[in-house]
Protein backbone atom coordinates (compact mmCIF):
# COMPACT_ATOMS: atom_id res chain seq x y z
CA MET A 1 11.53 13.30 25.06
CA PHE A 2 14.78 13.41 23.65
CA HIS A 3 13.88 10.84 21.07
CA LEU A 4 10.91 12.77 20.07
CA ILE A 5 12.89 15.82 19.41
CA LEU A 6 15.56 13.95 17.57
CA TRP A 7 12.87 12.53 15.08
CA ILE A 8 11.10 15.68 14.68
CA THR A 9 14.44 17.18 13.69
CA LEU A 10 15.27 14.22 11.52
CA ILE A 11 12.06 14.65 9.74
CA ALA A 12 12.48 18.33 9.37
CA VAL A 13 16.07 18.00 7.85
CA THR A 14 14.60 15.26 5.42
CA LEU A 15 11.71 17.54 4.22
CA VAL A 16 14.34 20.43 3.67
CA VAL A 17 16.72 18.48 1.67
CA SER A 18 13.73 16.83 -0.39
CA PHE A 19 12.25 20.19 -1.25
CA ALA A 20 15.80 21.65 -2.18
CA ALA A 21 16.28 18.66 -4.40
CA PHE A 22 12.84 19.09 -6.02
CA TYR A 23 13.44 22.81 -6.60
CA TRP A 24 16.85 22.16 -7.99
CA ALA A 25 15.26 19.78 -10.53
CA LEU A 26 12.72 22.23 -11.50
CA LYS A 27 15.23 24.82 -11.96
CA ASN A 28 17.38 22.97 -14.15
CA GLY A 29 14.82 21.67 -16.47
CA GLN A 30 14.74 18.12 -15.17
CA PHE A 31 10.83 17.91 -15.97
CA ASP A 32 10.80 19.60 -19.16
CA GLU A 33 10.04 17.57 -22.44
CA GLN A 34 8.07 14.67 -20.45
CA LYS A 35 6.63 13.48 -23.75
CA ARG A 36 9.96 13.30 -25.47
CA ALA A 37 11.20 11.26 -22.32
CA ALA A 38 8.74 8.67 -22.69
CA TYR A 39 9.93 7.72 -26.07
CA PHE A 40 13.66 8.22 -25.41
CA PRO A 41 14.45 4.69 -24.64
CA LEU A 42 13.02 3.66 -27.91
CA LEU A 43 15.22 6.06 -30.11
CA ASP A 44 18.49 5.21 -31.47
CA LEU A 45 20.17 8.66 -31.21
CA PRO A 46 24.09 9.26 -30.73
CA PRO A 47 24.90 10.62 -27.11
CA GLU A 48 24.99 14.23 -27.11
CA THR A 49 28.19 16.07 -26.02
CA VAL A 50 27.45 18.40 -22.95
CA GLN A 51 29.65 20.89 -22.03
CA GLU A 52 29.55 21.03 -18.35
CA ARG A 53 31.37 23.24 -15.98
CA PRO A 54 34.03 21.46 -13.64
CA ALA A 55 33.22 23.67 -10.59
CA ARG A 56 29.62 22.75 -10.92
CA ARG A 57 29.96 19.11 -11.30
CA ILE A 58 32.22 19.34 -8.19
CA ALA A 59 29.53 21.05 -6.16
CA GLU A 60 27.06 18.59 -7.13
CA LEU A 61 29.45 15.83 -5.87
CA TYR A 62 29.78 17.37 -2.57
CA VAL A 63 26.09 17.85 -2.05
CA PHE A 64 25.51 14.38 -2.88
CA SER A 65 28.23 13.07 -0.65
CA PHE A 66 26.86 15.39 2.43
CA THR A 67 23.45 13.92 1.76
CA ALA A 68 24.48 10.52 1.68
CA VAL A 69 26.89 10.67 4.83
CA THR A 70 23.75 12.51 6.56
CA PHE A 71 21.50 9.83 5.65
CA PHE A 72 23.67 7.04 7.01
CA VAL A 73 24.54 8.99 10.21
CA ALA A 74 20.81 9.55 10.95
CA ILE A 75 20.10 5.83 10.46
CA PHE A 76 22.96 4.91 12.58
CA LEU A 77 21.73 7.25 15.16
CA ALA A 78 18.24 5.96 14.79
CA VAL A 79 19.53 2.39 15.36
CA LEU A 80 21.65 3.20 18.01
CA LEU A 81 19.03 5.24 20.04
CA GLY A 82 16.07 2.85 19.40
CA ALA A 83 18.08 -0.17 20.49
CA GLY A 84 18.20 1.34 24.00
CA ASP A 85 14.51 1.36 24.27
CA ALA A 86 14.14 -2.54 23.79
């Protein structure tokens, strides 16, 4: 029963993180200009200089790091707990 609760929790956390990432992408305009994006690799344009706020970049790095560590811990726990059932 404990394994079932663990898997349901893992699925719920994964869904929440996925929806949060999708919402972030929508909010930041990741899906704007889809027609331009299809031809972008074919264009020979100079790279644009983007002025980013360092605090925002650091926050994104922390979120990415947290997500990656959570993923690897979840996989480790799934393998560890699943190995005892065999």
